[in-house]
Amino acid sequence: MDFLFGVLLVVEALIALLMVAVVMLQPPKDPSGGMGSAFGGGFGEEVFGGRTGNVLSRTTVVLGALLILNTLGLALLNRGADESITGAEMPAPVEQPAQ
């Protein structure tokens, strides 16, 4: 199970990096250009042609869904663990006295 958890962590990081790249490639909605043009926002039009918005928007949705599903899988695998992701031992829950 530790191997699967490690693989899912690597997949999580890769999906997050891909999502950042895809969002940065999207053309800006405003005519002034915005931050996207500063980081090469027009590059997507050169690669994908005239339908850049369609391809990149769908890719963003798919990557977002994969990120959520992967995060849920990581949470389910880590649910019964006595350790956090960092490897530190979790403190025991403190019982509250009945009032």
N, C-alpha and C. Protein backbone atom coordinates (compact mmCIF):
# COMPACT_ATOMS: atom_id res chain seq x y z
N MET A 1 0.82 -1.18 0.00
CA MET A 1 0.00 0.00 0.00
C MET A 1 0.88 1.26 0.00
N ASP A 2 2.07 1.18 0.60
CA ASP A 2 2.96 2.33 0.60
C ASP A 2 3.42 2.67 -0.82
N PHE A 3 3.64 1.63 -1.63
CA PHE A 3 4.05 1.85 -3.01
C PHE A 3 2.95 2.58 -3.79
N LEU A 4 1.71 2.14 -3.63
CA LEU A 4 0.58 2.78 -4.30
C LEU A 4 0.42 4.23 -3.85
N PHE A 5 0.60 4.47 -2.56
CA PHE A 5 0.51 5.83 -2.03
C PHE A 5 1.60 6.71 -2.64
N GLY A 6 2.81 6.19 -2.76
CA GLY A 6 3.91 6.94 -3.38
C GLY A 6 3.64 7.24 -4.84
N VAL A 7 3.10 6.27 -5.56
CA VAL A 7 2.78 6.47 -6.97
C VAL A 7 1.70 7.55 -7.12
N LEU A 8 0.67 7.48 -6.26
CA LEU A 8 -0.39 8.49 -6.33
C LEU A 8 0.11 9.89 -5.99
N LEU A 9 1.08 9.97 -5.07
CA LEU A 9 1.66 11.27 -4.75
C LEU A 9 2.41 11.85 -5.95
N VAL A 10 3.16 11.00 -6.66
CA VAL A 10 3.88 11.46 -7.85
C VAL A 10 2.89 11.88 -8.94
N VAL A 11 1.83 11.09 -9.12
CA VAL A 11 0.81 11.43 -10.11
C VAL A 11 0.14 12.75 -9.75
N GLU A 12 -0.11 12.97 -8.47
CA GLU A 12 -0.72 14.22 -8.00
C GLU A 12 0.15 15.43 -8.38
N ALA A 13 1.45 15.31 -8.13
CA ALA A 13 2.36 16.40 -8.47
C ALA A 13 2.41 16.64 -9.97
N LEU A 14 2.45 15.57 -10.76
CA LEU A 14 2.49 15.73 -12.22
C LEU A 14 1.21 16.36 -12.76
N ILE A 15 0.06 15.94 -12.26
CA ILE A 15 -1.20 16.52 -12.71
C ILE A 15 -1.25 18.00 -12.35
N ALA A 16 -0.79 18.34 -11.15
CA ALA A 16 -0.80 19.75 -10.73
C ALA A 16 0.10 20.59 -11.64
N LEU A 17 1.29 20.08 -11.97
CA LEU A 17 2.19 20.83 -12.86
C LEU A 17 1.60 20.96 -14.26
N LEU A 18 0.99 19.89 -14.76
CA LEU A 18 0.34 19.96 -16.08
C LEU A 18 -0.80 20.97 -16.08
N MET A 19 -1.55 20.98 -15.00
CA MET A 19 -2.67 21.91 -14.92
C MET A 19 -2.19 23.37 -14.92
N VAL A 20 -1.11 23.63 -14.21
CA VAL A 20 -0.54 24.98 -14.21
C VAL A 20 -0.11 25.36 -15.63
N ALA A 21 0.55 24.44 -16.32
CA ALA A 21 1.01 24.72 -17.69
C ALA A 21 -0.16 24.97 -18.64
N VAL A 22 -1.21 24.17 -18.53
CA VAL A 22 -2.36 24.32 -19.42
C VAL A 22 -3.08 25.64 -19.15
N VAL A 23 -3.21 26.01 -17.89
CA VAL A 23 -3.87 27.28 -17.57
C VAL A 23 -3.04 28.46 -18.08
N MET A 24 -1.71 28.35 -17.98
CA MET A 24 -0.87 29.44 -18.46
C MET A 24 -0.89 29.56 -19.99
N LEU A 25 -1.16 28.48 -20.70
CA LEU A 25 -1.23 28.51 -22.16
C LEU A 25 -2.51 29.14 -22.69
N GLN A 26 -3.54 29.19 -21.87
CA GLN A 26 -4.83 29.69 -22.33
C GLN A 26 -4.74 31.17 -22.68
N PRO A 27 -5.39 31.57 -23.77
CA PRO A 27 -5.38 32.99 -24.14
C PRO A 27 -6.20 33.80 -23.15
N PRO A 28 -5.83 35.05 -22.92
CA PRO A 28 -6.56 35.88 -21.97
C PRO A 28 -7.94 36.26 -22.50
N LYS A 29 -8.88 36.47 -21.59
CA LYS A 29 -10.24 36.88 -21.97
C LYS A 29 -10.30 38.38 -22.24
N ASP A 30 -9.47 39.15 -21.53
CA ASP A 30 -9.49 40.60 -21.71
C ASP A 30 -8.57 41.03 -22.85
N PRO A 31 -8.87 42.12 -23.53
CA PRO A 31 -8.07 42.55 -24.67
C PRO A 31 -6.67 43.05 -24.32
N SER A 32 -6.43 43.39 -23.06
CA SER A 32 -5.12 43.94 -22.69
C SER A 32 -4.04 42.86 -22.62
N GLY A 33 -4.42 41.61 -22.55
CA GLY A 33 -3.42 40.55 -22.53
C GLY A 33 -3.30 39.88 -21.18
N GLY A 34 -3.22 40.63 -20.10
CA GLY A 34 -3.14 40.06 -18.76
C GLY A 34 -1.84 39.33 -18.51
N MET A 35 -1.84 38.51 -17.48
CA MET A 35 -0.64 37.77 -17.08
C MET A 35 -0.29 36.67 -18.07
N GLY A 36 -1.28 36.12 -18.76
CA GLY A 36 -1.02 35.03 -19.69
C GLY A 36 -0.07 35.43 -20.80
N SER A 37 -0.17 36.66 -21.28
CA SER A 37 0.71 37.10 -22.36
C SER A 37 2.15 37.29 -21.88
N ALA A 38 2.31 37.58 -20.59
CA ALA A 38 3.66 37.76 -20.04
C ALA A 38 4.41 36.43 -20.00
N PHE A 39 3.69 35.33 -19.88
CA PHE A 39 4.32 34.01 -19.79
C PHE A 39 4.09 33.19 -21.05
N GLY A 40 3.86 33.81 -22.18
CA GLY A 40 3.71 33.09 -23.42
C GLY A 40 2.32 32.56 -23.66
N GLY A 41 1.29 33.33 -23.36
CA GLY A 41 -0.09 32.90 -23.53
C GLY A 41 -0.48 32.65 -24.98
N GLY A 42 0.20 33.28 -25.92
CA GLY A 42 -0.11 33.07 -27.33
C GLY A 42 0.47 31.79 -27.90
N PHE A 43 1.29 31.11 -27.13
CA PHE A 43 1.93 29.89 -27.61
C PHE A 43 0.90 28.80 -27.92
N GLY A 44 -0.17 28.76 -27.16
CA GLY A 44 -1.21 27.75 -27.37
C GLY A 44 -1.86 27.87 -28.73
N GLU A 45 -2.03 29.09 -29.22
CA GLU A 45 -2.63 29.28 -30.54
C GLU A 45 -1.72 28.74 -31.64
N GLU A 46 -0.42 28.86 -31.45
CA GLU A 46 0.52 28.34 -32.44
C GLU A 46 0.50 26.82 -32.48
N VAL A 47 0.35 26.20 -31.34
CA VAL A 47 0.40 24.75 -31.27
C VAL A 47 -0.94 24.11 -31.67
N PHE A 48 -2.05 24.63 -31.12
CA PHE A 48 -3.34 23.99 -31.31
C PHE A 48 -4.20 24.64 -32.39
N GLY A 49 -3.78 25.75 -32.95
CA GLY A 49 -4.55 26.39 -34.02
C GLY A 49 -5.67 27.27 -33.49
N GLY A 50 -6.70 27.46 -34.30
CA GLY A 50 -7.78 28.38 -33.98
C GLY A 50 -8.69 27.92 -32.85
N ARG A 51 -8.74 26.64 -32.56
CA ARG A 51 -9.62 26.13 -31.52
C ARG A 51 -8.89 25.99 -30.18
N THR A 52 -8.01 26.89 -29.90
CA THR A 52 -7.20 26.81 -28.70
C THR A 52 -8.05 26.78 -27.45
N GLY A 53 -9.03 27.67 -27.37
CA GLY A 53 -9.87 27.74 -26.18
C GLY A 53 -10.59 26.45 -25.91
N ASN A 54 -11.10 25.81 -26.95
CA ASN A 54 -11.83 24.55 -26.78
C ASN A 54 -10.93 23.45 -26.24
N VAL A 55 -9.78 23.27 -26.85
CA VAL A 55 -8.88 22.19 -26.45
C VAL A 55 -8.34 22.43 -25.05
N LEU A 56 -7.90 23.63 -24.78
CA LEU A 56 -7.31 23.92 -23.47
C LEU A 56 -8.36 23.92 -22.37
N SER A 57 -9.58 24.37 -22.66
CA SER A 57 -10.64 24.35 -21.66
C SER A 57 -11.01 22.92 -21.30
N ARG A 58 -11.14 22.08 -22.30
CA ARG A 58 -11.45 20.67 -22.02
C ARG A 58 -10.32 19.98 -21.27
N THR A 59 -9.10 20.29 -21.64
CA THR A 59 -7.95 19.71 -20.96
C THR A 59 -7.92 20.13 -19.49
N THR A 60 -8.25 21.39 -19.23
CA THR A 60 -8.29 21.89 -17.86
C THR A 60 -9.35 21.15 -17.05
N VAL A 61 -10.52 20.93 -17.64
CA VAL A 61 -11.59 20.23 -16.94
C VAL A 61 -11.18 18.78 -16.65
N VAL A 62 -10.58 18.11 -17.62
CA VAL A 62 -10.17 16.72 -17.44
C VAL A 62 -9.08 16.64 -16.37
N LEU A 63 -8.09 17.53 -16.42
CA LEU A 63 -7.03 17.51 -15.42
C LEU A 63 -7.57 17.82 -14.03
N GLY A 64 -8.53 18.75 -13.95
CA GLY A 64 -9.14 19.07 -12.66
C GLY A 64 -9.88 17.88 -12.08
N ALA A 65 -10.62 17.16 -12.93
CA ALA A 65 -11.34 15.98 -12.46
C ALA A 65 -10.36 14.89 -12.01
N LEU A 66 -9.29 14.70 -12.76
CA LEU A 66 -8.27 13.71 -12.37
C LEU A 66 -7.61 14.09 -11.05
N LEU A 67 -7.36 15.39 -10.86
CA LEU A 67 -6.74 15.86 -9.63
C LEU A 67 -7.65 15.58 -8.43
N ILE A 68 -8.95 15.83 -8.58
CA ILE A 68 -9.89 15.59 -7.50
C ILE A 68 -9.99 14.09 -7.19
N LEU A 69 -10.09 13.26 -8.23
CA LEU A 69 -10.18 11.82 -8.01
C LEU A 69 -8.92 11.26 -7.37
N ASN A 70 -7.77 11.75 -7.81
CA ASN A 70 -6.50 11.31 -7.24
C ASN A 70 -6.39 11.73 -5.77
N THR A 71 -6.83 12.94 -5.46
CA THR A 71 -6.80 13.43 -4.09
C THR A 71 -7.71 12.59 -3.20
N LEU A 72 -8.88 12.23 -3.71
CA LEU A 72 -9.78 11.37 -2.94
C LEU A 72 -9.16 10.00 -2.70
N GLY A 73 -8.48 9.47 -3.71
CA GLY A 73 -7.79 8.19 -3.55
C GLY A 73 -6.70 8.27 -2.50
N LEU A 74 -5.94 9.35 -2.49
CA LEU A 74 -4.90 9.54 -1.47
C LEU A 74 -5.51 9.65 -0.08
N ALA A 75 -6.63 10.35 0.02
CA ALA A 75 -7.29 10.50 1.32
C ALA A 75 -7.80 9.15 1.83
N LEU A 76 -8.36 8.34 0.93
CA LEU A 76 -8.86 7.03 1.34
C LEU A 76 -7.72 6.11 1.77
N LEU A 77 -6.60 6.17 1.08
CA LEU A 77 -5.45 5.34 1.46
C LEU A 77 -4.86 5.77 2.79
N ASN A 78 -4.90 7.06 3.09
CA ASN A 78 -4.28 7.59 4.29
C ASN A 78 -5.25 7.65 5.47
N ARG A 79 -6.49 7.25 5.24
CA ARG A 79 -7.54 7.38 6.26
C ARG A 79 -7.21 6.62 7.54
N GLY A 80 -6.75 5.41 7.43
CA GLY A 80 -6.50 4.60 8.61
C GLY A 80 -5.08 4.68 9.13
N ALA A 81 -4.26 5.51 8.54
CA ALA A 81 -2.84 5.57 8.94
C ALA A 81 -2.67 6.31 10.26
N ASP A 82 -1.68 5.87 11.04
CA ASP A 82 -1.36 6.54 12.30
C ASP A 82 -0.33 7.64 12.09
N GLU A 83 0.12 7.81 10.85
CA GLU A 83 1.11 8.82 10.54
C GLU A 83 0.54 9.80 9.54
N SER A 84 1.06 11.02 9.53
CA SER A 84 0.66 11.99 8.53
C SER A 84 1.48 11.74 7.26
N ILE A 85 1.23 12.52 6.22
CA ILE A 85 1.97 12.37 4.97
C ILE A 85 3.46 12.63 5.19
N THR A 86 3.79 13.53 6.12
CA THR A 86 5.19 13.87 6.36
C THR A 86 5.94 12.80 7.13
N GLY A 87 5.23 11.79 7.67
CA GLY A 87 5.87 10.73 8.41
C GLY A 87 5.86 10.94 9.91
N ALA A 88 5.39 12.11 10.35
CA ALA A 88 5.32 12.38 11.78
C ALA A 88 4.15 11.62 12.38
N GLU A 89 4.33 11.18 13.62
CA GLU A 89 3.26 10.44 14.27
C GLU A 89 2.14 11.38 14.68
N MET A 90 0.91 10.98 14.43
CA MET A 90 -0.25 11.80 14.76
C MET A 90 -0.52 11.72 16.26
N PRO A 91 -0.88 12.83 16.90
CA PRO A 91 -1.19 12.76 18.34
C PRO A 91 -2.52 12.01 18.56
N ALA A 92 -2.60 11.37 19.72
CA ALA A 92 -3.82 10.63 20.05
C ALA A 92 -4.95 11.62 20.29
N PRO A 93 -6.18 11.27 19.90
CA PRO A 93 -7.30 12.18 20.13
C PRO A 93 -7.57 12.37 21.61
N VAL A 94 -7.89 13.59 22.00
CA VAL A 94 -8.17 13.92 23.39
C VAL A 94 -9.66 13.81 23.62
N GLU A 95 -10.04 13.05 24.64
CA GLU A 95 -11.46 12.89 24.94
C GLU A 95 -11.93 14.08 25.76
N GLN A 96 -13.08 14.62 25.37
CA GLN A 96 -13.68 15.72 26.10
C GLN A 96 -14.59 15.18 27.20
N PRO A 97 -14.52 15.73 28.39
CA PRO A 97 -15.41 15.23 29.48
C PRO A 97 -16.85 15.60 29.17
N ALA A 98 -17.78 14.73 29.56
CA ALA A 98 -19.21 14.98 29.34
C ALA A 98 -19.67 16.10 30.26
N GLN A 99 -20.52 16.95 29.75
CA GLN A 99 -20.99 18.09 30.57
C GLN A 99 -22.40 17.92 30.99
